[in-house]
Amino acid sequence: MNEDTAQTSALLLRGGHIIDPAGGREFTGDLLIADGRIAAAGPASEVAPLAETLRQSGQQLRTLDLHPGLIVSPGFVDLHVHLREPGYEDKETIQTGAEAAARGGFTTICCMPNTRPVLDSQATLEFVARAASAAPARVWPIAAITKGEKGAELSEMAELAEAGAVAFSDDGRPVSNSKLMRSALEYASMLNRPVVEHCEDEALAAGGVMNEGPTATRLGLKGWPAAAEEIMLARDLALVRLTGGRYHAAHISTAGSVELIRRAKAEGLRVTAEVTPHHLLLTDEWVAGRRTGLLGDDGSAQSQPYDTNTKVNPPLRTQRDTEALLEGLLDGTIDAIATDHAPHTFVDKACEYDEAAFGISGLETALGALLALVHAEKLPLKTLLAALTIRPARAFSLPAGTLESGAFADITIFDPDERWAVDPRRFASKGKNTPLAGVMLRGRVRSTILAGRLVYVADTIEQSLALGH
């Protein structure tokens, strides 16, 4: 985890359109950063005197002039990324994953434990902390629920929480043993940490490579029924009801899951949930080569069928499911948008669909893809930003997601209208596996600030900063 470090200079962002969902604020004005934290945000007439006071005190003050079309928001928070290190550095490293995060506007990321060795000991969490100490994003580890993610014996949860684990998960594998899951919820509750579950009935989903339905039948691929997710989620919610534990449902993908979580929240259970950009925007028709929906232009856009970059876990579902997921995001049933960034090597995907690895490299395309919902007037920008900032921060009790005075100066600056074509060859991530290659997106990060430091700077911003010195 990156710690707040002393800063030798202050930074004044002038003239951007500032949106802070945590405080319900939206205005065009200035934002002042000092000592790595937010010093003030408001109209220029209020912030300018504070900036001048800093200048007179001897601090170097840099100025970045923005235009009102640029959005200034809290840095994005991603509760679900796979950084692969230790053990799978050919797919990704903590450094390259954090660089991809910064390019995507994410300043806080939570890394999953399915590494080699698994993040199930104090030593492995200390390794992550050291590797992330100079990374361009704050990296918080999620520790394994069970030793080795084998589903047989609980990890040393108290020791892992003390070592910095913000949550517990065997992501990629569900905890199938109900008694063990009950114990996990009870122990994690005492530590005030959420248990993050990959909801999958493995016997029911066994061999499935895409959503069960007409498209899978047409393509001759084994289907994965929605019930495989919903059965495990229903069991877990019964255990939450029994234990009173904190529970977070990872990457939900079905309409039935949304309704289960909606009912659980209405009942007062301590439940949160996340959805990925690809489950909000893509359907199983993309596996057949039909790029339907908002990212497929008019719905007639075609690509090659059996594109292994569309193979994800859980699988892309139906249009009905995407609509239910969006409704859940709008009404607060779903708390957060998380990328489930899952980078793979070329070889992992350059094979038959049945044999390909599951996963999409999603950090660098998330914002541009999600803004399609805003431009289509299906999702208010404030709601999108809340789901990328304060809502995930609250789900895991993270010190992030706000522009309040005194908060870490973790900031994302983006142009909601810039159009660009996805070119995976230019990704900072080692994982180039995305079904969005060649897709035109509208909306792009221009700069990312971590603790007052510019950790990602697009060319136009860099030139503006130079002029603003």
Protein backbone atom coordinates (compact mmCIF):
# COMPACT_ATOMS: atom_id res chain seq x y z
CA MET A 1 0.00 0.00 0.00
CA ASN A 2 1.23 3.44 -0.83
CA GLU A 3 1.48 5.57 2.27
CA ASP A 4 0.88 9.29 2.28
CA THR A 5 4.30 10.91 1.96
CA ALA A 6 5.42 14.47 2.56
CA GLN A 7 5.10 16.72 -0.47
CA THR A 8 7.44 19.58 -1.26
CA SER A 9 5.07 21.42 -3.57
CA ALA A 10 1.40 22.25 -3.87
CA LEU A 11 -0.79 21.85 -6.94
CA LEU A 12 -3.72 24.03 -7.96
CA LEU A 13 -6.23 22.63 -10.45
CA ARG A 14 -8.10 25.56 -11.98
CA GLY A 15 -11.33 25.68 -13.93
CA GLY A 16 -12.36 22.02 -14.11
CA HIS A 17 -15.84 20.65 -13.56
CA ILE A 18 -15.55 19.05 -10.12
CA ILE A 19 -17.86 16.19 -9.13
CA ASP A 20 -17.58 14.67 -5.66
CA PRO A 21 -20.35 12.12 -5.11
CA ALA A 22 -19.28 11.56 -1.50
CA GLY A 23 -20.21 15.12 -0.59
CA GLY A 24 -22.95 15.54 -3.18
CA ARG A 25 -21.04 18.45 -4.70
CA GLU A 26 -20.80 19.45 -8.35
CA PHE A 27 -19.43 22.78 -9.55
CA THR A 28 -16.94 24.40 -11.87
CA GLY A 29 -14.07 25.76 -9.86
CA ASP A 30 -10.65 25.09 -8.35
CA LEU A 31 -9.08 22.37 -6.26
CA LEU A 32 -5.97 22.91 -4.13
CA ILE A 33 -3.63 20.11 -3.09
CA ALA A 34 -0.98 20.47 -0.37
CA ASP A 35 1.12 17.86 1.42
CA GLY A 36 -0.49 15.10 -0.59
CA ARG A 37 -4.01 15.90 0.60
CA ILE A 38 -7.00 17.96 -0.46
CA ALA A 39 -6.58 21.45 0.99
CA ALA A 40 -9.67 23.07 -0.54
CA ALA A 41 -12.18 22.73 -3.34
CA GLY A 42 -14.65 25.37 -4.38
CA PRO A 43 -15.14 28.54 -6.42
CA ALA A 44 -11.95 30.24 -7.55
CA SER A 45 -12.69 33.22 -5.30
CA GLU A 46 -12.54 30.95 -2.25
CA VAL A 47 -9.56 28.77 -3.21
CA ALA A 48 -7.26 31.47 -4.64
CA PRO A 49 -6.50 33.16 -1.27
CA LEU A 50 -5.54 29.79 0.25
CA ALA A 51 -3.25 29.08 -2.70
CA GLU A 52 -1.61 32.47 -2.30
CA THR A 53 -1.04 31.81 1.39
CA LEU A 54 0.77 28.59 0.52
CA ARG A 55 2.88 30.41 -2.04
CA GLN A 56 3.84 33.08 0.47
CA SER A 57 4.77 30.41 3.01
CA GLY A 58 7.52 29.25 0.66
CA GLN A 59 5.86 26.25 -0.95
CA GLN A 60 6.31 25.79 -4.65
CA LEU A 61 2.88 26.10 -6.24
CA ARG A 62 2.22 24.49 -9.60
CA THR A 63 -0.91 25.41 -11.51
CA LEU A 64 -2.80 23.24 -13.93
CA ASP A 65 -5.37 25.14 -15.99
CA LEU A 66 -8.27 22.95 -17.08
CA HIS A 67 -11.30 23.74 -19.18
CA PRO A 68 -14.86 23.24 -17.90
CA GLY A 69 -15.34 20.23 -20.20
CA LEU A 70 -12.82 18.23 -18.17
CA ILE A 71 -14.25 16.35 -15.19
CA VAL A 72 -12.32 16.30 -11.90
CA SER A 73 -13.42 13.46 -9.63
CA PRO A 74 -12.04 11.40 -6.77
CA GLY A 75 -9.65 8.71 -7.97
CA PHE A 76 -11.48 5.56 -8.95
CA VAL A 77 -11.56 2.56 -6.59
CA ASP A 78 -11.49 -1.01 -7.97
CA LEU A 79 -12.37 -3.76 -5.51
CA HIS A 80 -11.43 -6.62 -7.81
CA VAL A 81 -8.20 -6.88 -9.80
CA HIS A 82 -5.79 -9.71 -10.52
CA LEU A 83 -2.20 -8.50 -10.40
CA ARG A 84 -0.82 -12.05 -10.81
CA GLU A 85 2.31 -11.39 -8.75
CA PRO A 86 3.81 -13.40 -7.13
CA GLY A 87 4.03 -16.39 -9.43
CA TYR A 88 2.48 -15.34 -12.73
CA GLU A 89 4.64 -12.38 -13.72
CA ASP A 90 4.35 -13.36 -17.39
CA LYS A 91 0.69 -12.26 -17.19
CA GLU A 92 1.08 -9.15 -15.02
CA THR A 93 3.11 -7.65 -12.20
CA ILE A 94 2.07 -5.35 -9.40
CA GLN A 95 3.90 -2.53 -11.16
CA THR A 96 2.39 -3.05 -14.63
CA GLY A 97 -1.05 -3.61 -13.15
CA ALA A 98 -0.79 -0.39 -11.15
CA GLU A 99 0.35 1.45 -14.28
CA ALA A 100 -2.71 0.14 -16.12
CA ALA A 101 -4.83 1.27 -13.18
CA ALA A 102 -3.40 4.78 -13.31
CA ARG A 103 -4.10 5.01 -17.04
CA GLY A 104 -7.67 3.99 -16.34
CA GLY A 105 -8.10 6.57 -13.57
CA PHE A 106 -7.94 4.05 -10.71
CA THR A 107 -5.91 5.22 -7.72
CA THR A 108 -6.98 2.45 -5.32
CA ILE A 109 -7.08 -1.21 -6.32
CA CYS A 110 -7.68 -4.39 -4.31
CA CYS A 111 -5.73 -7.41 -5.52
CA MET A 112 -7.09 -10.93 -5.42
CA PRO A 113 -5.17 -13.71 -3.66
CA ASN A 114 -5.06 -16.38 -6.39
CA THR A 115 -1.34 -15.97 -6.96
CA ARG A 116 1.51 -18.49 -6.49
CA PRO A 117 1.96 -18.71 -3.58
CA VAL A 118 -1.56 -17.76 -2.59
CA LEU A 119 -1.93 -14.62 -0.45
CA ASP A 120 -2.66 -16.61 2.69
CA SER A 121 0.21 -15.64 4.99
CA GLN A 122 1.74 -12.57 6.57
CA ALA A 123 4.85 -13.07 4.42
CA THR A 124 2.93 -12.93 1.14
CA LEU A 125 1.04 -9.80 2.19
CA GLU A 126 4.32 -8.16 3.18
CA PHE A 127 5.66 -9.04 -0.28
CA VAL A 128 2.70 -7.27 -1.90
CA ALA A 129 3.23 -4.21 0.29
CA ARG A 130 6.91 -3.98 -0.66
CA ALA A 131 6.24 -4.48 -4.36
CA ALA A 132 3.49 -1.84 -4.28
CA SER A 133 5.42 0.75 -2.27
CA ALA A 134 6.45 2.73 -5.36
CA ALA A 135 3.50 1.79 -7.58
CA PRO A 136 1.34 4.51 -9.18
CA ALA A 137 -1.75 3.29 -7.31
CA ARG A 138 -2.63 2.26 -3.77
CA VAL A 139 -2.68 -1.54 -3.68
CA TRP A 140 -4.69 -3.21 -0.92
CA PRO A 141 -4.48 -7.01 -0.63
CA ILE A 142 -7.44 -9.32 -0.32
CA ALA A 143 -6.31 -12.42 1.56
CA ALA A 144 -7.50 -15.97 0.97
CA ILE A 145 -10.39 -17.34 2.99
CA THR A 146 -8.87 -20.80 3.08
CA LYS A 147 -5.26 -21.97 3.14
CA GLY A 148 -3.99 -22.31 -0.41
CA GLU A 149 -7.54 -21.55 -1.62
CA LYS A 150 -8.15 -25.28 -1.27
CA GLY A 151 -11.45 -24.90 0.55
CA ALA A 152 -10.45 -27.21 3.39
CA GLU A 153 -9.10 -25.09 6.26
CA LEU A 154 -9.53 -21.44 7.18
CA SER A 155 -6.56 -19.14 6.78
CA GLU A 156 -5.14 -17.29 9.78
CA MET A 157 -7.62 -14.46 9.36
CA ALA A 158 -6.65 -12.36 12.37
CA GLU A 159 -2.99 -12.42 11.39
CA LEU A 160 -3.85 -11.51 7.80
CA ALA A 161 -6.09 -8.63 8.86
CA GLU A 162 -3.28 -7.30 11.04
CA ALA A 163 -0.93 -7.59 8.04
CA GLY A 164 -3.20 -5.36 5.95
CA ALA A 165 -5.86 -7.57 4.35
CA VAL A 166 -8.97 -5.48 3.67
CA ALA A 167 -11.17 -8.48 2.83
CA PHE A 168 -11.08 -12.25 2.41
CA SER A 169 -11.81 -14.22 -0.76
CA ASP A 170 -10.98 -17.45 -2.55
CA ASP A 171 -11.88 -15.71 -5.81
CA GLY A 172 -11.84 -18.02 -8.78
CA ARG A 173 -13.12 -20.72 -6.43
CA PRO A 174 -16.22 -20.61 -4.24
CA VAL A 175 -16.14 -21.87 -0.67
CA SER A 176 -18.33 -24.90 -1.32
CA ASN A 177 -18.31 -26.24 2.25
CA SER A 178 -21.19 -24.48 3.97
CA LYS A 179 -19.85 -25.08 7.48
CA LEU A 180 -16.51 -23.58 6.50
CA MET A 181 -18.22 -20.59 4.91
CA ARG A 182 -20.22 -20.07 8.10
CA SER A 183 -17.00 -20.03 10.12
CA ALA A 184 -15.38 -17.62 7.66
CA LEU A 185 -18.25 -15.17 8.02
CA GLU A 186 -18.13 -15.41 11.81
CA TYR A 187 -14.37 -14.86 12.07
CA ALA A 188 -14.30 -12.09 9.45
CA SER A 189 -17.14 -10.35 11.26
CA MET A 190 -15.09 -10.20 14.44
CA LEU A 191 -12.33 -8.56 12.37
CA ASN A 192 -14.82 -6.20 10.67
CA ARG A 193 -13.80 -7.44 7.23
CA PRO A 194 -16.09 -8.55 4.39
CA VAL A 195 -16.00 -12.03 2.91
CA VAL A 196 -15.94 -11.76 -0.87
CA GLU A 197 -17.49 -14.71 -2.65
CA HIS A 198 -17.15 -16.00 -6.19
CA CYS A 199 -20.68 -17.37 -6.50
CA GLU A 200 -20.59 -20.60 -8.46
CA ASP A 201 -22.05 -24.04 -7.94
CA GLU A 202 -19.08 -25.84 -9.47
CA ALA A 203 -20.92 -29.09 -10.14
CA LEU A 204 -23.70 -27.30 -12.03
CA ALA A 205 -21.31 -25.06 -13.97
CA ALA A 206 -18.76 -27.82 -14.67
CA GLY A 207 -17.43 -27.64 -18.21
CA GLY A 208 -19.41 -24.54 -19.07
CA VAL A 209 -17.60 -21.94 -21.17
CA MET A 210 -20.39 -19.46 -21.91
CA ASN A 211 -23.92 -18.61 -20.86
CA GLU A 212 -26.39 -21.46 -21.23
CA GLY A 213 -28.98 -20.50 -23.83
CA PRO A 214 -29.78 -20.34 -27.54
CA THR A 215 -26.44 -18.74 -28.48
CA ALA A 216 -24.43 -21.49 -26.80
CA THR A 217 -26.59 -24.12 -28.54
CA ARG A 218 -26.07 -22.44 -31.90
CA LEU A 219 -22.30 -22.28 -31.39
CA GLY A 220 -22.03 -25.81 -30.07
CA LEU A 221 -20.43 -24.65 -26.79
CA LYS A 222 -21.28 -26.05 -23.37
CA GLY A 223 -23.53 -23.67 -21.46
CA TRP A 224 -23.21 -22.36 -17.92
CA PRO A 225 -26.64 -21.76 -16.38
CA ALA A 226 -27.50 -18.63 -14.42
CA ALA A 227 -28.70 -20.91 -11.64
CA ALA A 228 -25.09 -21.93 -10.93
CA GLU A 229 -24.47 -18.40 -9.66
CA GLU A 230 -27.82 -17.88 -8.00
CA ILE A 231 -27.80 -21.15 -6.01
CA MET A 232 -24.47 -20.32 -4.37
CA LEU A 233 -25.53 -16.73 -3.72
CA ALA A 234 -28.78 -17.89 -2.08
CA ARG A 235 -26.84 -20.27 0.17
CA ASP A 236 -24.41 -17.54 1.16
CA LEU A 237 -27.20 -15.11 1.99
CA ALA A 238 -28.75 -17.73 4.27
CA LEU A 239 -25.40 -17.99 6.05
CA VAL A 240 -25.17 -14.20 6.34
CA ARG A 241 -28.62 -14.25 7.91
CA LEU A 242 -27.39 -16.89 10.35
CA THR A 243 -24.09 -15.21 11.29
CA GLY A 244 -24.67 -11.48 10.81
CA GLY A 245 -21.39 -11.33 8.90
CA ARG A 246 -20.26 -8.84 6.26
CA TYR A 247 -20.58 -10.28 2.77
CA HIS A 248 -19.66 -8.99 -0.68
CA ALA A 249 -20.86 -10.69 -3.86
CA ALA A 250 -18.20 -10.49 -6.56
CA HIS A 251 -18.96 -9.87 -10.24
CA ILE A 252 -22.66 -10.75 -10.20
CA SER A 253 -24.00 -11.40 -13.68
CA THR A 254 -27.66 -12.44 -13.61
CA ALA A 255 -31.06 -10.86 -13.10
CA GLY A 256 -31.80 -13.45 -10.43
CA SER A 257 -28.71 -12.46 -8.46
CA VAL A 258 -29.77 -8.82 -8.49
CA GLU A 259 -33.15 -9.73 -7.04
CA LEU A 260 -31.59 -11.93 -4.33
CA ILE A 261 -29.32 -9.09 -3.22
CA ARG A 262 -32.17 -6.58 -3.37
CA ARG A 263 -34.22 -8.71 -1.00
CA ALA A 264 -31.24 -9.27 1.31
CA LYS A 265 -30.63 -5.55 1.61
CA ALA A 266 -34.33 -4.90 2.25
CA GLU A 267 -34.06 -7.43 5.06
CA GLY A 268 -31.15 -5.48 6.56
CA LEU A 269 -28.40 -8.02 5.91
CA ARG A 270 -24.83 -6.68 5.73
CA VAL A 271 -24.45 -7.32 2.03
CA THR A 272 -22.72 -5.42 -0.77
CA ALA A 273 -22.20 -6.34 -4.41
CA GLU A 274 -20.22 -5.41 -7.49
CA VAL A 275 -20.74 -5.64 -11.24
CA THR A 276 -18.15 -5.48 -14.01
CA PRO A 277 -18.23 -3.18 -17.04
CA HIS A 278 -18.38 -6.20 -19.36
CA HIS A 279 -21.39 -7.70 -17.61
CA LEU A 280 -23.17 -4.34 -17.82
CA LEU A 281 -22.41 -3.77 -21.49
CA LEU A 282 -21.74 -7.03 -23.32
CA THR A 283 -23.97 -10.04 -23.93
CA ASP A 284 -23.40 -13.64 -24.98
CA GLU A 285 -24.07 -12.55 -28.57
CA TRP A 286 -20.51 -11.18 -28.58
CA VAL A 287 -19.26 -14.77 -28.41
CA ALA A 288 -21.08 -15.36 -31.69
CA GLY A 289 -19.35 -12.34 -33.26
CA ARG A 290 -22.33 -9.99 -32.97
CA ARG A 291 -21.24 -6.82 -31.17
CA THR A 292 -24.69 -5.86 -30.00
CA GLY A 293 -25.54 -3.06 -27.59
CA LEU A 294 -24.09 0.36 -26.89
CA LEU A 295 -20.52 -0.64 -27.76
CA GLY A 296 -21.57 -2.23 -31.03
CA ASP A 297 -22.65 0.97 -32.78
CA ASP A 298 -26.05 0.21 -34.32
CA GLY A 299 -26.00 -3.45 -33.33
CA SER A 300 -24.93 -4.65 -36.76
CA ALA A 301 -21.19 -4.50 -36.08
CA GLN A 302 -19.53 -7.86 -36.54
CA SER A 303 -16.37 -9.52 -35.28
CA GLN A 304 -15.07 -13.06 -35.52
CA PRO A 305 -17.15 -15.64 -33.64
CA TYR A 306 -15.49 -17.68 -30.93
CA ASP A 307 -13.30 -14.74 -29.89
CA THR A 308 -11.67 -16.16 -26.76
CA ASN A 309 -11.41 -12.64 -25.34
CA THR A 310 -15.16 -12.88 -24.68
CA LYS A 311 -14.60 -15.88 -22.38
CA VAL A 312 -15.04 -14.69 -18.80
CA ASN A 313 -16.01 -16.14 -15.43
CA PRO A 314 -18.92 -15.74 -14.83
CA PRO A 315 -19.86 -15.70 -18.51
CA LEU A 316 -21.43 -12.89 -20.48
CA ARG A 317 -25.18 -13.23 -20.07
CA THR A 318 -28.30 -12.00 -21.92
CA GLN A 319 -29.70 -8.59 -22.68
CA ARG A 320 -32.28 -9.14 -19.95
CA ASP A 321 -29.48 -9.70 -17.46
CA THR A 322 -27.60 -6.54 -18.48
CA GLU A 323 -30.79 -4.52 -18.06
CA ALA A 324 -31.38 -5.97 -14.59
CA LEU A 325 -27.79 -5.26 -13.58
CA LEU A 326 -28.12 -1.66 -14.70
CA GLU A 327 -31.37 -1.30 -12.76
CA GLY A 328 -29.61 -2.71 -9.70
CA LEU A 329 -26.82 -0.20 -10.08
CA LEU A 330 -29.30 2.64 -10.40
CA ASP A 331 -31.34 1.73 -7.32
CA GLY A 332 -28.33 0.95 -5.12
CA THR A 333 -28.78 -2.81 -4.98
CA ILE A 334 -25.35 -3.07 -6.60
CA ASP A 335 -22.85 -0.92 -4.74
CA ALA A 336 -19.80 -0.84 -6.98
CA ILE A 337 -18.41 -1.28 -10.43
CA ALA A 338 -15.26 -3.42 -10.36
CA THR A 339 -13.26 -4.41 -13.42
CA ASP A 340 -12.27 -7.98 -12.44
CA HIS A 341 -9.11 -7.10 -14.39
CA ALA A 342 -7.78 -10.53 -15.44
CA PRO A 343 -4.70 -10.20 -17.67
CA HIS A 344 -3.47 -13.21 -19.64
CA THR A 345 -0.68 -14.00 -22.06
CA PHE A 346 -1.26 -14.34 -25.79
CA VAL A 347 -0.89 -18.11 -25.51
CA ASP A 348 -3.62 -18.28 -22.85
CA LYS A 349 -6.14 -17.00 -25.37
CA ALA A 350 -4.69 -18.20 -28.72
CA CYS A 351 -6.46 -21.54 -28.65
CA GLU A 352 -9.87 -23.13 -29.04
CA TYR A 353 -12.65 -21.52 -27.03
CA ASP A 354 -13.05 -24.54 -24.77
CA GLU A 355 -9.37 -24.45 -23.82
CA ALA A 356 -8.90 -20.68 -23.41
CA ALA A 357 -8.38 -19.00 -20.06
CA PHE A 358 -11.22 -16.98 -18.55
CA GLY A 359 -10.77 -13.22 -18.21
CA ILE A 360 -10.64 -9.73 -19.66
CA SER A 361 -7.96 -7.06 -19.20
CA GLY A 362 -10.27 -4.25 -18.15
CA LEU A 363 -8.60 -1.42 -16.24
CA GLU A 364 -7.73 0.74 -19.23
CA THR A 365 -11.07 0.53 -21.06
CA ALA A 366 -13.45 0.71 -18.08
CA LEU A 367 -14.22 4.43 -18.10
CA GLY A 368 -14.64 4.79 -21.86
CA ALA A 369 -16.89 1.74 -22.00
CA LEU A 370 -19.03 2.78 -19.02
CA LEU A 371 -19.52 6.31 -20.32
CA ALA A 372 -21.52 4.78 -23.18
CA LEU A 373 -24.29 4.34 -20.59
CA VAL A 374 -24.03 8.03 -19.65
CA HIS A 375 -24.06 9.26 -23.23
CA ALA A 376 -27.11 7.08 -23.94
CA GLU A 377 -28.82 8.67 -20.91
CA LYS A 378 -29.22 5.31 -19.22
CA LEU A 379 -27.00 6.17 -16.24
CA PRO A 380 -26.41 9.61 -14.66
CA LEU A 381 -22.75 10.61 -14.53
CA LYS A 382 -22.99 11.21 -10.79
CA THR A 383 -24.24 7.67 -10.24
CA LEU A 384 -21.46 6.22 -12.37
CA LEU A 385 -18.82 8.17 -10.47
CA ALA A 386 -20.32 7.16 -7.12
CA ALA A 387 -20.09 3.50 -8.17
CA LEU A 388 -16.44 4.03 -9.11
CA THR A 389 -15.45 6.03 -6.01
CA ILE A 390 -17.26 6.39 -2.69
CA ARG A 391 -19.56 3.37 -2.93
CA PRO A 392 -16.75 0.82 -3.36
CA ALA A 393 -14.65 2.65 -0.77
CA ARG A 394 -17.44 2.29 1.77
CA ALA A 395 -18.04 -1.36 0.88
CA PHE A 396 -14.51 -2.25 2.00
CA SER A 397 -14.02 0.63 4.49
CA LEU A 398 -11.18 2.11 2.45
CA PRO A 399 -9.75 5.63 2.95
CA ALA A 400 -10.62 6.74 -0.58
CA GLY A 401 -13.35 8.01 -2.85
CA THR A 402 -13.79 11.60 -1.69
CA LEU A 403 -12.56 15.15 -2.35
CA GLU A 404 -13.31 16.34 1.18
CA SER A 405 -10.66 18.57 2.79
CA GLY A 406 -7.99 16.44 4.43
CA ALA A 407 -8.59 13.39 2.26
CA PHE A 408 -5.81 11.84 0.21
CA ALA A 409 -5.33 13.87 -2.97
CA ASP A 410 -6.18 10.92 -5.22
CA ILE A 411 -7.84 12.44 -8.26
CA THR A 412 -8.92 11.47 -11.76
CA ILE A 413 -9.25 14.04 -14.54
CA PHE A 414 -11.06 12.88 -17.66
CA ASP A 415 -12.61 14.15 -20.86
CA PRO A 416 -16.07 12.58 -21.18
CA ASP A 417 -16.24 13.29 -24.91
CA GLU A 418 -12.83 12.32 -26.30
CA ARG A 419 -13.23 9.57 -28.87
CA TRP A 420 -10.58 6.88 -29.23
CA ALA A 421 -10.19 3.41 -30.66
CA VAL A 422 -9.11 0.62 -28.32
CA ASP A 423 -5.65 -0.65 -29.28
CA PRO A 424 -4.51 -3.34 -26.84
CA ARG A 425 -0.95 -3.06 -28.12
CA ARG A 426 -0.75 0.27 -26.32
CA PHE A 427 -1.96 -1.04 -22.96
CA ALA A 428 0.31 -0.59 -19.97
CA SER A 429 -0.98 -3.93 -18.75
CA LYS A 430 0.83 -7.04 -19.93
CA GLY A 431 -2.62 -8.46 -20.63
CA LYS A 432 -3.83 -7.46 -24.09
CA ASN A 433 -6.91 -9.70 -23.85
CA THR A 434 -9.96 -7.57 -24.53
CA PRO A 435 -12.97 -8.09 -26.81
CA LEU A 436 -13.06 -4.31 -27.30
CA ALA A 437 -10.07 -4.19 -29.68
CA GLY A 438 -10.92 -1.72 -32.44
CA VAL A 439 -14.08 -0.47 -30.72
CA MET A 440 -14.53 3.31 -30.65
CA LEU A 441 -15.08 4.62 -27.14
CA ARG A 442 -16.12 8.09 -26.03
CA GLY A 443 -14.46 9.32 -22.86
CA ARG A 444 -10.86 9.03 -21.71
CA VAL A 445 -8.67 9.70 -18.69
CA ARG A 446 -6.37 12.66 -19.21
CA SER A 447 -4.50 12.62 -15.89
CA THR A 448 -4.36 10.67 -12.65
CA ILE A 449 -3.06 12.11 -9.38
CA LEU A 450 -1.98 10.00 -6.40
CA ALA A 451 -1.26 11.75 -3.09
CA GLY A 452 -0.75 14.99 -5.02
CA ARG A 453 1.66 13.46 -7.55
CA LEU A 454 0.87 13.17 -11.24
CA VAL A 455 1.25 9.44 -11.88
CA TYR A 456 -0.35 9.40 -15.32
CA VAL A 457 -0.27 12.36 -17.66
CA ALA A 458 -1.64 12.50 -21.19
CA ASP A 459 0.29 14.69 -23.63
CA THR A 460 -2.18 17.56 -23.70
CA ILE A 461 -2.29 17.76 -19.90
CA GLU A 462 1.49 17.63 -19.72
CA GLN A 463 1.73 20.61 -22.06
CA SER A 464 -0.86 22.53 -20.04
CA LEU A 465 1.01 21.83 -16.83
CA ALA A 466 4.22 23.13 -18.32
CA LEU A 467 2.46 26.32 -19.37
CA GLY A 468 0.93 26.66 -15.93
CA HIS A 469 4.18 26.60 -13.92
